[in-house]
Amino acid sequence: MKMAYDEGAAERLRGVFETVPFSSERKMFGSLGFMVHGHMACGVINNQLMVRVGKEQYEAALSKSFVREMDFTGKALTGFVYVEPEGFESDEELEYWVGLSVDYVLTLPAK
């Protein structure tokens, strides 16, 4: 049976999120999501990073290499992007994407 998400990427995300207060992980839609204050921040689906960047950072995020719009349902979900594995190969790149998502989610009211 094929894994719905890359376990190596999931482990790397766990390592970053263990330093983020009020974070948790949740299996959802065949992927693994990381939540902060009950809001989806980012996750891993197949081998891609799924990152919630918010509307204000959306265009800037899309302009980066190895990033595309999140089209989970066939329609782009504004404020969320997919990052291909080449876009988060280094720990610094992964921490950048997690930081971007956490910074955005912390602007939302806690659930």
PDB file of N, CA and C in Angstrom:
ATOM      1  N   MET A   1       0.848  -1.194   0.000  1.00  0.00           N
ATOM      2  CA  MET A   1       0.000   0.000   0.000  1.00  0.00           C
ATOM      3  C   MET A   1       0.887   1.250   0.000  1.00  0.00           C
ATOM      4  N   LYS A   2       0.546   2.188  -0.851  1.00  0.00           N
ATOM      5  CA  LYS A   2       1.338   3.413  -0.994  1.00  0.00           C
ATOM      6  C   LYS A   2       1.030   4.374   0.161  1.00  0.00           C
ATOM      7  N   MET A   3       2.086   4.945   0.722  1.00  0.00           N
ATOM      8  CA  MET A   3       1.886   5.958   1.763  1.00  0.00           C
ATOM      9  C   MET A   3       1.264   7.202   1.135  1.00  0.00           C
ATOM     10  N   ALA A   4       0.358   7.818   1.865  1.00  0.00           N
ATOM     11  CA  ALA A   4      -0.271   9.035   1.376  1.00  0.00           C
ATOM     12  C   ALA A   4       0.623  10.248   1.602  1.00  0.00           C
ATOM     13  N   TYR A   5       1.621  10.088   2.461  1.00  0.00           N
ATOM     14  CA  TYR A   5       2.560  11.191   2.670  1.00  0.00           C
ATOM     15  C   TYR A   5       3.938  10.622   2.939  1.00  0.00           C
ATOM     16  N   ASP A   6       4.944  11.423   2.610  1.00  0.00           N
ATOM     17  CA  ASP A   6       6.334  11.025   2.764  1.00  0.00           C
ATOM     18  C   ASP A   6       6.711  11.072   4.244  1.00  0.00           C
ATOM     19  N   GLU A   7       7.059   9.917   4.803  1.00  0.00           N
ATOM     20  CA  GLU A   7       7.360   9.834   6.233  1.00  0.00           C
ATOM     21  C   GLU A   7       8.623  10.623   6.595  1.00  0.00           C
ATOM     22  N   GLY A   8       9.595  10.678   5.679  1.00  0.00           N
ATOM     23  CA  GLY A   8      10.803  11.463   5.940  1.00  0.00           C
ATOM     24  C   GLY A   8      10.490  12.945   6.093  1.00  0.00           C
ATOM     25  N   ALA A   9       9.641  13.463   5.197  1.00  0.00           N
ATOM     26  CA  ALA A   9       9.226  14.873   5.293  1.00  0.00           C
ATOM     27  C   ALA A   9       8.419  15.101   6.570  1.00  0.00           C
ATOM     28  N   ALA A  10       7.566  14.124   6.916  1.00  0.00           N
ATOM     29  CA  ALA A  10       6.763  14.246   8.139  1.00  0.00           C
ATOM     30  C   ALA A  10       7.665  14.324   9.372  1.00  0.00           C
ATOM     31  N   GLU A  11       8.703  13.480   9.407  1.00  0.00           N
ATOM     32  CA  GLU A  11       9.638  13.504  10.539  1.00  0.00           C
ATOM     33  C   GLU A  11      10.363  14.846  10.632  1.00  0.00           C
ATOM     34  N   ARG A  12      10.767  15.373   9.497  1.00  0.00           N
ATOM     35  CA  ARG A  12      11.433  16.683   9.497  1.00  0.00           C
ATOM     36  C   ARG A  12      10.487  17.758  10.024  1.00  0.00           C
ATOM     37  N   LEU A  13       9.223  17.713   9.605  1.00  0.00           N
ATOM     38  CA  LEU A  13       8.245  18.688  10.093  1.00  0.00           C
ATOM     39  C   LEU A  13       8.033  18.532  11.599  1.00  0.00           C
ATOM     40  N   ARG A  14       7.948  17.296  12.063  1.00  0.00           N
ATOM     41  CA  ARG A  14       7.785  17.070  13.509  1.00  0.00           C
ATOM     42  C   ARG A  14       8.923  17.720  14.286  1.00  0.00           C
ATOM     43  N   GLY A  15      10.134  17.606  13.759  1.00  0.00           N
ATOM     44  CA  GLY A  15      11.287  18.196  14.414  1.00  0.00           C
ATOM     45  C   GLY A  15      11.188  19.704  14.531  1.00  0.00           C
ATOM     46  N   VAL A  16      10.641  20.354  13.507  1.00  0.00           N
ATOM     47  CA  VAL A  16      10.475  21.808  13.549  1.00  0.00           C
ATOM     48  C   VAL A  16       9.312  22.175  14.466  1.00  0.00           C
ATOM     49  N   PHE A  17       8.193  21.463  14.341  1.00  0.00           N
ATOM     50  CA  PHE A  17       6.999  21.819  15.119  1.00  0.00           C
ATOM     51  C   PHE A  17       7.124  21.512  16.602  1.00  0.00           C
ATOM     52  N   GLU A  18       8.085  20.669  17.002  1.00  0.00           N
ATOM     53  CA  GLU A  18       8.216  20.403  18.436  1.00  0.00           C
ATOM     54  C   GLU A  18       8.658  21.652  19.193  1.00  0.00           C
ATOM     55  N   THR A  19       9.141  22.667  18.487  1.00  0.00           N
ATOM     56  CA  THR A  19       9.537  23.921  19.133  1.00  0.00           C
ATOM     57  C   THR A  19       8.445  24.995  19.034  1.00  0.00           C
ATOM     58  N   VAL A  20       7.308  24.660  18.392  1.00  0.00           N
ATOM     59  CA  VAL A  20       6.231  25.635  18.196  1.00  0.00           C
ATOM     60  C   VAL A  20       5.166  25.420  19.273  1.00  0.00           C
ATOM     61  N   PRO A  21       4.952  26.416  20.142  1.00  0.00           N
ATOM     62  CA  PRO A  21       3.935  26.269  21.183  1.00  0.00           C
ATOM     63  C   PRO A  21       2.538  26.075  20.585  1.00  0.00           C
ATOM     64  N   PHE A  22       1.705  25.331  21.293  1.00  0.00           N
ATOM     65  CA  PHE A  22       0.301  25.122  20.918  1.00  0.00           C
ATOM     66  C   PHE A  22       0.147  24.451  19.555  1.00  0.00           C
ATOM     67  N   SER A  23       1.124  23.620  19.176  1.00  0.00           N
ATOM     68  CA  SER A  23       1.013  22.925  17.897  1.00  0.00           C
ATOM     69  C   SER A  23       0.657  21.460  18.134  1.00  0.00           C
ATOM     70  N   SER A  24       0.046  20.869  17.132  1.00  0.00           N
ATOM     71  CA  SER A  24      -0.312  19.458  17.174  1.00  0.00           C
ATOM     72  C   SER A  24      -0.322  18.944  15.746  1.00  0.00           C
ATOM     73  N   GLU A  25      -0.367  17.635  15.594  1.00  0.00           N
ATOM     74  CA  GLU A  25      -0.470  17.079  14.249  1.00  0.00           C
ATOM     75  C   GLU A  25      -1.761  16.298  14.131  1.00  0.00           C
ATOM     76  N   ARG A  26      -2.267  16.226  12.906  1.00  0.00           N
ATOM     77  CA  ARG A  26      -3.536  15.557  12.659  1.00  0.00           C
ATOM     78  C   ARG A  26      -3.509  14.934  11.273  1.00  0.00           C
ATOM     79  N   LYS A  27      -3.910  13.683  11.196  1.00  0.00           N
ATOM     80  CA  LYS A  27      -4.050  13.037   9.886  1.00  0.00           C
ATOM     81  C   LYS A  27      -5.349  13.527   9.270  1.00  0.00           C
ATOM     82  N   MET A  28      -5.266  13.945   8.010  1.00  0.00           N
ATOM     83  CA  MET A  28      -6.454  14.476   7.334  1.00  0.00           C
ATOM     84  C   MET A  28      -6.313  14.318   5.830  1.00  0.00           C
ATOM     85  N   PHE A  29      -7.379  13.939   5.173  1.00  0.00           N
ATOM     86  CA  PHE A  29      -7.425  13.828   3.708  1.00  0.00           C
ATOM     87  C   PHE A  29      -6.271  12.986   3.167  1.00  0.00           C
ATOM     88  N   GLY A  30      -5.883  11.944   3.876  1.00  0.00           N
ATOM     89  CA  GLY A  30      -4.782  11.111   3.411  1.00  0.00           C
ATOM     90  C   GLY A  30      -3.425  11.777   3.528  1.00  0.00           C
ATOM     91  N   SER A  31      -3.366  12.851   4.282  1.00  0.00           N
ATOM     92  CA  SER A  31      -2.100  13.567   4.467  1.00  0.00           C
ATOM     93  C   SER A  31      -1.892  13.799   5.962  1.00  0.00           C
ATOM     94  N   LEU A  32      -0.844  14.503   6.285  1.00  0.00           N
ATOM     95  CA  LEU A  32      -0.555  14.826   7.674  1.00  0.00           C
ATOM     96  C   LEU A  32      -0.492  16.339   7.807  1.00  0.00           C
ATOM     97  N   GLY A  33      -1.324  16.887   8.677  1.00  0.00           N
ATOM     98  CA  GLY A  33      -1.357  18.322   8.879  1.00  0.00           C
ATOM     99  C   GLY A  33      -0.818  18.708  10.245  1.00  0.00           C
ATOM    100  N   PHE A  34      -0.209  19.876  10.302  1.00  0.00           N
ATOM    101  CA  PHE A  34       0.284  20.429  11.563  1.00  0.00           C
ATOM    102  C   PHE A  34      -0.528  21.669  11.874  1.00  0.00           C
ATOM    103  N   MET A  35      -1.082  21.686  13.078  1.00  0.00           N
ATOM    104  CA  MET A  35      -2.002  22.729  13.506  1.00  0.00           C
ATOM    105  C   MET A  35      -1.339  23.600  14.568  1.00  0.00           C
ATOM    106  N   VAL A  36      -1.721  24.879  14.586  1.00  0.00           N
ATOM    107  CA  VAL A  36      -1.294  25.793  15.647  1.00  0.00           C
ATOM    108  C   VAL A  36      -2.554  26.503  16.129  1.00  0.00           C
ATOM    109  N   HIS A  37      -2.820  26.415  17.431  1.00  0.00           N
ATOM    110  CA  HIS A  37      -4.059  26.977  18.008  1.00  0.00           C
ATOM    111  C   HIS A  37      -5.285  26.459  17.262  1.00  0.00           C
ATOM    112  N   GLY A  38      -5.238  25.224  16.781  1.00  0.00           N
ATOM    113  CA  GLY A  38      -6.387  24.633  16.104  1.00  0.00           C
ATOM    114  C   GLY A  38      -6.528  24.982  14.638  1.00  0.00           C
ATOM    115  N   HIS A  39      -5.628  25.794  14.105  1.00  0.00           N
ATOM    116  CA  HIS A  39      -5.676  26.170  12.685  1.00  0.00           C
ATOM    117  C   HIS A  39      -4.612  25.395  11.911  1.00  0.00           C
ATOM    118  N   MET A  40      -4.961  24.955  10.701  1.00  0.00           N
ATOM    119  CA  MET A  40      -3.992  24.298   9.834  1.00  0.00           C
ATOM    120  C   MET A  40      -2.880  25.282   9.493  1.00  0.00           C
ATOM    121  N   ALA A  41      -1.633  24.897   9.740  1.00  0.00           N
ATOM    122  CA  ALA A  41      -0.477  25.729   9.383  1.00  0.00           C
ATOM    123  C   ALA A  41       0.199  25.157   8.145  1.00  0.00           C
ATOM    124  N   CYS A  42       0.643  23.927   8.219  1.00  0.00           N
ATOM    125  CA  CYS A  42       1.218  23.276   7.044  1.00  0.00           C
ATOM    126  C   CYS A  42       1.156  21.775   7.238  1.00  0.00           C
ATOM    127  N   GLY A  43       1.599  21.073   6.235  1.00  0.00           N
ATOM    128  CA  GLY A  43       1.551  19.627   6.312  1.00  0.00           C
ATOM    129  C   GLY A  43       2.297  19.018   5.150  1.00  0.00           C
ATOM    130  N   VAL A  44       2.134  17.714   5.028  1.00  0.00           N
ATOM    131  CA  VAL A  44       2.780  16.998   3.940  1.00  0.00           C
ATOM    132  C   VAL A  44       1.743  16.092   3.290  1.00  0.00           C
ATOM    133  N   ILE A  45       1.663  16.193   1.965  1.00  0.00           N
ATOM    134  CA  ILE A  45       0.788  15.337   1.184  1.00  0.00           C
ATOM    135  C   ILE A  45       1.628  14.758   0.053  1.00  0.00           C
ATOM    136  N   ASN A  46       1.641  13.442  -0.043  1.00  0.00           N
ATOM    137  CA  ASN A  46       2.578  12.742  -0.914  1.00  0.00           C
ATOM    138  C   ASN A  46       3.981  13.172  -0.505  1.00  0.00           C
ATOM    139  N   ASN A  47       4.725  13.796  -1.416  1.00  0.00           N
ATOM    140  CA  ASN A  47       6.075  14.251  -1.042  1.00  0.00           C
ATOM    141  C   ASN A  47       6.166  15.780  -1.047  1.00  0.00           C
ATOM    142  N   GLN A  48       5.037  16.440  -1.093  1.00  0.00           N
ATOM    143  CA  GLN A  48       5.001  17.906  -1.158  1.00  0.00           C
ATOM    144  C   GLN A  48       4.658  18.504   0.197  1.00  0.00           C
ATOM    145  N   LEU A  49       5.185  19.679   0.418  1.00  0.00           N
ATOM    146  CA  LEU A  49       4.827  20.456   1.589  1.00  0.00           C
ATOM    147  C   LEU A  49       3.583  21.262   1.232  1.00  0.00           C
ATOM    148  N   MET A  50       2.625  21.286   2.132  1.00  0.00           N
ATOM    149  CA  MET A  50       1.419  22.075   1.966  1.00  0.00           C
ATOM    150  C   MET A  50       1.540  23.203   2.979  1.00  0.00           C
ATOM    151  N   VAL A  51       1.534  24.449   2.514  1.00  0.00           N
ATOM    152  CA  VAL A  51       1.830  25.575   3.404  1.00  0.00           C
ATOM    153  C   VAL A  51       0.711  26.615   3.338  1.00  0.00           C
ATOM    154  N   ARG A  52       0.215  26.994   4.507  1.00  0.00           N
ATOM    155  CA  ARG A  52      -0.774  28.072   4.592  1.00  0.00           C
ATOM    156  C   ARG A  52      -0.013  29.373   4.758  1.00  0.00           C
ATOM    157  N   VAL A  53      -0.103  30.232   3.752  1.00  0.00           N
ATOM    158  CA  VAL A  53       0.664  31.480   3.774  1.00  0.00           C
ATOM    159  C   VAL A  53      -0.224  32.709   3.945  1.00  0.00           C
ATOM    160  N   GLY A  54      -1.522  32.552   3.769  1.00  0.00           N
ATOM    161  CA  GLY A  54      -2.438  33.684   3.855  1.00  0.00           C
ATOM    162  C   GLY A  54      -2.487  34.449   2.548  1.00  0.00           C
ATOM    163  N   LYS A  55      -3.506  35.278   2.410  1.00  0.00           N
ATOM    164  CA  LYS A  55      -3.716  36.014   1.154  1.00  0.00           C
ATOM    165  C   LYS A  55      -2.611  37.029   0.865  1.00  0.00           C
ATOM    166  N   GLU A  56      -2.095  37.703   1.915  1.00  0.00           N
ATOM    167  CA  GLU A  56      -1.094  38.757   1.685  1.00  0.00           C
ATOM    168  C   GLU A  56       0.247  38.204   1.198  1.00  0.00           C
ATOM    169  N   GLN A  57       0.619  37.010   1.625  1.00  0.00           N
ATOM    170  CA  GLN A  57       1.903  36.405   1.226  1.00  0.00           C
ATOM    171  C   GLN A  57       1.763  35.463   0.029  1.00  0.00           C
ATOM    172  N   TYR A  58       0.538  35.275  -0.443  1.00  0.00           N
ATOM    173  CA  TYR A  58       0.250  34.268  -1.468  1.00  0.00           C
ATOM    174  C   TYR A  58       1.036  34.489  -2.763  1.00  0.00           C
ATOM    175  N   GLU A  59       0.943  35.674  -3.350  1.00  0.00           N
ATOM    176  CA  GLU A  59       1.630  35.937  -4.622  1.00  0.00           C
ATOM    177  C   GLU A  59       3.146  35.848  -4.468  1.00  0.00           C
ATOM    178  N   ALA A  60       3.674  36.366  -3.363  1.00  0.00           N
ATOM    179  CA  ALA A  60       5.119  36.301  -3.124  1.00  0.00           C
ATOM    180  C   ALA A  60       5.571  34.850  -3.002  1.00  0.00           C
ATOM    181  N   ALA A  61       4.770  34.033  -2.315  1.00  0.00           N
ATOM    182  CA  ALA A  61       5.120  32.618  -2.168  1.00  0.00           C
ATOM    183  C   ALA A  61       5.101  31.919  -3.524  1.00  0.00           C
ATOM    184  N   LEU A  62       4.094  32.218  -4.336  1.00  0.00           N
ATOM    185  CA  LEU A  62       3.985  31.588  -5.657  1.00  0.00           C
ATOM    186  C   LEU A  62       5.142  31.964  -6.580  1.00  0.00           C
ATOM    187  N   SER A  63       5.784  33.098  -6.329  1.00  0.00           N
ATOM    188  CA  SER A  63       6.882  33.542  -7.195  1.00  0.00           C
ATOM    189  C   SER A  63       8.177  32.775  -6.912  1.00  0.00           C
ATOM    190  N   LYS A  64       8.225  32.013  -5.823  1.00  0.00           N
ATOM    191  CA  LYS A  64       9.436  31.263  -5.471  1.00  0.00           C
ATOM    192  C   LYS A  64       9.533  29.978  -6.298  1.00  0.00           C
ATOM    193  N   SER A  65      10.759  29.501  -6.458  1.00  0.00           N
ATOM    194  CA  SER A  65      10.988  28.262  -7.191  1.00  0.00           C
ATOM    195  C   SER A  65      10.358  27.080  -6.475  1.00  0.00           C
ATOM    196  N   PHE A  66       9.855  26.138  -7.249  1.00  0.00           N
ATOM    197  CA  PHE A  66       9.291  24.877  -6.759  1.00  0.00           C
ATOM    198  C   PHE A  66       8.000  25.061  -5.969  1.00  0.00           C
ATOM    199  N   VAL A  67       7.306  26.177  -6.191  1.00  0.00           N
ATOM    200  CA  VAL A  67       6.053  26.459  -5.488  1.00  0.00           C
ATOM    201  C   VAL A  67       4.944  26.590  -6.516  1.00  0.00           C
ATOM    202  N   ARG A  68       3.780  26.021  -6.199  1.00  0.00           N
ATOM    203  CA  ARG A  68       2.612  26.162  -7.073  1.00  0.00           C
ATOM    204  C   ARG A  68       1.364  26.289  -6.218  1.00  0.00           C
ATOM    205  N   GLU A  69       0.278  26.734  -6.853  1.00  0.00           N
ATOM    206  CA  GLU A  69      -0.952  26.899  -6.093  1.00  0.00           C
ATOM    207  C   GLU A  69      -1.466  25.538  -5.623  1.00  0.00           C
ATOM    208  N   MET A  70      -2.100  25.542  -4.483  1.00  0.00           N
ATOM    209  CA  MET A  70      -2.689  24.323  -3.947  1.00  0.00           C
ATOM    210  C   MET A  70      -4.040  24.133  -4.606  1.00  0.00           C
ATOM    211  N   ASP A  71      -4.150  23.070  -5.371  1.00  0.00           N
ATOM    212  CA  ASP A  71      -5.390  22.803  -6.112  1.00  0.00           C
ATOM    213  C   ASP A  71      -5.946  21.440  -5.719  1.00  0.00           C
ATOM    214  N   PHE A  72      -6.059  21.222  -4.427  1.00  0.00           N
ATOM    215  CA  PHE A  72      -6.479  19.944  -3.853  1.00  0.00           C
ATOM    216  C   PHE A  72      -7.803  19.458  -4.449  1.00  0.00           C
ATOM    217  N   THR A  73      -8.739  20.366  -4.655  1.00  0.00           N
ATOM    218  CA  THR A  73     -10.065  19.997  -5.152  1.00  0.00           C
ATOM    219  C   THR A  73     -10.214  20.276  -6.645  1.00  0.00           C
ATOM    220  N   GLY A  74      -9.125  20.660  -7.327  1.00  0.00           N
ATOM    221  CA  GLY A  74      -9.207  21.033  -8.731  1.00  0.00           C
ATOM    222  C   GLY A  74      -9.345  22.537  -8.906  1.00  0.00           C
ATOM    223  N   LYS A  75      -9.600  23.244  -7.819  1.00  0.00           N
ATOM    224  CA  LYS A  75      -9.700  24.713  -7.835  1.00  0.00           C
ATOM    225  C   LYS A  75      -8.639  25.239  -6.872  1.00  0.00           C
ATOM    226  N   ALA A  76      -7.928  26.273  -7.296  1.00  0.00           N
ATOM    227  CA  ALA A  76      -6.868  26.830  -6.444  1.00  0.00           C
ATOM    228  C   ALA A  76      -7.449  27.324  -5.122  1.00  0.00           C
ATOM    229  N   LEU A  77      -6.760  27.007  -4.050  1.00  0.00           N
ATOM    230  CA  LEU A  77      -7.159  27.443  -2.721  1.00  0.00           C
ATOM    231  C   LEU A  77      -6.258  28.621  -2.344  1.00  0.00           C
ATOM    232  N   THR A  78      -6.776  29.826  -2.485  1.00  0.00           N
ATOM    233  CA  THR A  78      -5.995  31.025  -2.214  1.00  0.00           C
ATOM    234  C   THR A  78      -5.522  31.023  -0.765  1.00  0.00           C
ATOM    235  N   GLY A  79      -4.234  31.342  -0.601  1.00  0.00           N
ATOM    236  CA  GLY A  79      -3.672  31.385   0.747  1.00  0.00           C
ATOM    237  C   GLY A  79      -2.923  30.120   1.124  1.00  0.00           C
ATOM    238  N   PHE A  80      -3.014  29.093   0.274  1.00  0.00           N
ATOM    239  CA  PHE A  80      -2.296  27.838   0.492  1.00  0.00           C
ATOM    240  C   PHE A  80      -1.455  27.537  -0.746  1.00  0.00           C
ATOM    241  N   VAL A  81      -0.253  27.006  -0.547  1.00  0.00           N
ATOM    242  CA  VAL A  81       0.600  26.611  -1.674  1.00  0.00           C
ATOM    243  C   VAL A  81       1.174  25.218  -1.421  1.00  0.00           C
ATOM    244  N   TYR A  82       1.561  24.583  -2.513  1.00  0.00           N
ATOM    245  CA  TYR A  82       2.342  23.351  -2.456  1.00  0.00           C
ATOM    246  C   TYR A  82       3.789  23.713  -2.736  1.00  0.00           C
ATOM    247  N   VAL A  83       4.709  23.115  -2.000  1.00  0.00           N
ATOM    248  CA  VAL A  83       6.143  23.291  -2.238  1.00  0.00           C
ATOM    249  C   VAL A  83       6.700  21.913  -2.589  1.00  0.00           C
ATOM    250  N   GLU A  84       7.302  21.809  -3.778  1.00  0.00           N
ATOM    251  CA  GLU A  84       7.909  20.553  -4.206  1.00  0.00           C
ATOM    252  C   GLU A  84       9.112  20.242  -3.313  1.00  0.00           C
ATOM    253  N   PRO A  85       9.516  18.965  -3.212  1.00  0.00           N
ATOM    254  CA  PRO A  85      10.637  18.601  -2.338  1.00  0.00           C
ATOM    255  C   PRO A  85      11.904  19.425  -2.571  1.00  0.00           C
ATOM    256  N   GLU A  86      12.172  19.831  -3.811  1.00  0.00           N
ATOM    257  CA  GLU A  86      13.363  20.648  -4.104  1.00  0.00           C
ATOM    258  C   GLU A  86      13.313  22.010  -3.423  1.00  0.00           C
ATOM    259  N   GLY A  87      12.121  22.440  -3.017  1.00  0.00           N
ATOM    260  CA  GLY A  87      11.957  23.739  -2.375  1.00  0.00           C
ATOM    261  C   GLY A  87      12.134  23.718  -0.873  1.00  0.00           C
ATOM    262  N   PHE A  88      12.309  22.515  -0.298  1.00  0.00           N
ATOM    263  CA  PHE A  88      12.551  22.444   1.153  1.00  0.00           C
ATOM    264  C   PHE A  88      13.585  21.368   1.483  1.00  0.00           C
ATOM    265  N   GLU A  89      14.584  21.261   0.605  1.00  0.00           N
ATOM    266  CA  GLU A  89      15.652  20.276   0.814  1.00  0.00           C
ATOM    267  C   GLU A  89      16.475  20.569   2.059  1.00  0.00           C
ATOM    268  N   SER A  90      16.823  21.827   2.267  1.00  0.00           N
ATOM    269  CA  SER A  90      17.650  22.172   3.434  1.00  0.00           C
ATOM    270  C   SER A  90      16.755  22.441   4.643  1.00  0.00           C
ATOM    271  N   ASP A  91      17.336  22.307   5.829  1.00  0.00           N
ATOM    272  CA  ASP A  91      16.602  22.623   7.053  1.00  0.00           C
ATOM    273  C   ASP A  91      16.185  24.084   7.068  1.00  0.00           C
ATOM    274  N   GLU A  92      17.048  24.964   6.536  1.00  0.00           N
ATOM    275  CA  GLU A  92      16.723  26.394   6.510  1.00  0.00           C
ATOM    276  C   GLU A  92      15.490  26.655   5.654  1.00  0.00           C
ATOM    277  N   GLU A  93      15.394  25.973   4.505  1.00  0.00           N
ATOM    278  CA  GLU A  93      14.222  26.158   3.641  1.00  0.00           C
ATOM    279  C   GLU A  93      12.962  25.644   4.339  1.00  0.00           C
ATOM    280  N   LEU A  94      13.053  24.480   4.961  1.00  0.00           N
ATOM    281  CA  LEU A  94      11.891  23.937   5.674  1.00  0.00           C
ATOM    282  C   LEU A  94      11.470  24.879   6.803  1.00  0.00           C
ATOM    283  N   GLU A  95      12.436  25.376   7.559  1.00  0.00           N
ATOM    284  CA  GLU A  95      12.125  26.300   8.650  1.00  0.00           C
ATOM    285  C   GLU A  95      11.522  27.599   8.129  1.00  0.00           C
ATOM    286  N   TYR A  96      11.962  28.053   6.951  1.00  0.00           N
ATOM    287  CA  TYR A  96      11.372  29.249   6.343  1.00  0.00           C
ATOM    288  C   TYR A  96       9.874  29.031   6.107  1.00  0.00           C
ATOM    289  N   TRP A  97       9.530  27.916   5.470  1.00  0.00           N
ATOM    290  CA  TRP A  97       8.123  27.656   5.135  1.00  0.00           C
ATOM    291  C   TRP A  97       7.284  27.465   6.396  1.00  0.00           C
ATOM    292  N   VAL A  98       7.810  26.748   7.366  1.00  0.00           N
ATOM    293  CA  VAL A  98       7.074  26.570   8.627  1.00  0.00           C
ATOM    294  C   VAL A  98       6.890  27.928   9.304  1.00  0.00           C
ATOM    295  N   GLY A  99       7.949  28.727   9.343  1.00  0.00           N
ATOM    296  CA  GLY A  99       7.859  30.053   9.957  1.00  0.00           C
ATOM    297  C   GLY A  99       6.822  30.930   9.283  1.00  0.00           C
ATOM    298  N   LEU A 100       6.792  30.899   7.956  1.00  0.00           N
ATOM    299  CA  LEU A 100       5.813  31.689   7.205  1.00  0.00           C
ATOM    300  C   LEU A 100       4.394  31.255   7.581  1.00  0.00           C
ATOM    301  N   SER A 101       4.177  29.954   7.644  1.00  0.00           N
ATOM    302  CA  SER A 101       2.828  29.464   7.957  1.00  0.00           C
ATOM    303  C   SER A 101       2.445  29.773   9.403  1.00  0.00           C
ATOM    304  N   VAL A 102       3.358  29.559  10.333  1.00  0.00           N
ATOM    305  CA  VAL A 102       3.060  29.820  11.744  1.00  0.00           C
ATOM    306  C   VAL A 102       2.820  31.307  11.972  1.00  0.00           C
ATOM    307  N   ASP A 103       3.655  32.155  11.366  1.00  0.00           N
ATOM    308  CA  ASP A 103       3.452  33.604  11.513  1.00  0.00           C
ATOM    309  C   ASP A 103       2.054  34.001  11.050  1.00  0.00           C
ATOM    310  N   TYR A 104       1.599  33.429   9.928  1.00  0.00           N
ATOM    311  CA  TYR A 104       0.268  33.757   9.437  1.00  0.00           C
ATOM    312  C   TYR A 104      -0.801  33.229  10.388  1.00  0.00           C
ATOM    313  N   VAL A 105      -0.709  31.969  10.759  1.00  0.00           N
ATOM    314  CA  VAL A 105      -1.746  31.355  11.596  1.00  0.00           C
ATOM    315  C   VAL A 105      -1.867  32.067  12.939  1.00  0.00           C
ATOM    316  N   LEU A 106      -0.767  32.585  13.469  1.00  0.00           N
ATOM    317  CA  LEU A 106      -0.822  33.299  14.749  1.00  0.00           C
ATOM    318  C   LEU A 106      -1.587  34.620  14.657  1.00  0.00           C
ATOM    319  N   THR A 107      -1.884  35.088  13.437  1.00  0.00           N
ATOM    320  CA  THR A 107      -2.707  36.290  13.287  1.00  0.00           C
ATOM    321  C   THR A 107      -4.200  35.956  13.368  1.00  0.00           C
ATOM    322  N   LEU A 108      -4.540  34.669  13.325  1.00  0.00           N
ATOM    323  CA  LEU A 108      -5.945  34.238  13.380  1.00  0.00           C
ATOM    324  C   LEU A 108      -6.382  34.044  14.823  1.00  0.00           C
ATOM    325  N   PRO A 109      -7.679  34.236  15.106  1.00  0.00           N
ATOM    326  CA  PRO A 109      -8.141  33.987  16.478  1.00  0.00           C
ATOM    327  C   PRO A 109      -8.005  32.509  16.820  1.00  0.00           C
ATOM    328  N   ALA A 110      -7.587  32.205  18.032  1.00  0.00           N
ATOM    329  CA  ALA A 110      -7.452  30.797  18.457  1.00  0.00           C
ATOM    330  C   ALA A 110      -8.813  30.113  18.425  1.00  0.00           C
ATOM    331  N   LYS A 111      -8.805  28.849  18.037  1.00  0.00           N
ATOM    332  CA  LYS A 111     -10.067  28.084  18.002  1.00  0.00           C
ATOM    333  C   LYS A 111     -10.325  27.485  19.369  1.00  0.00           C
TER     334      LYS A 111
END
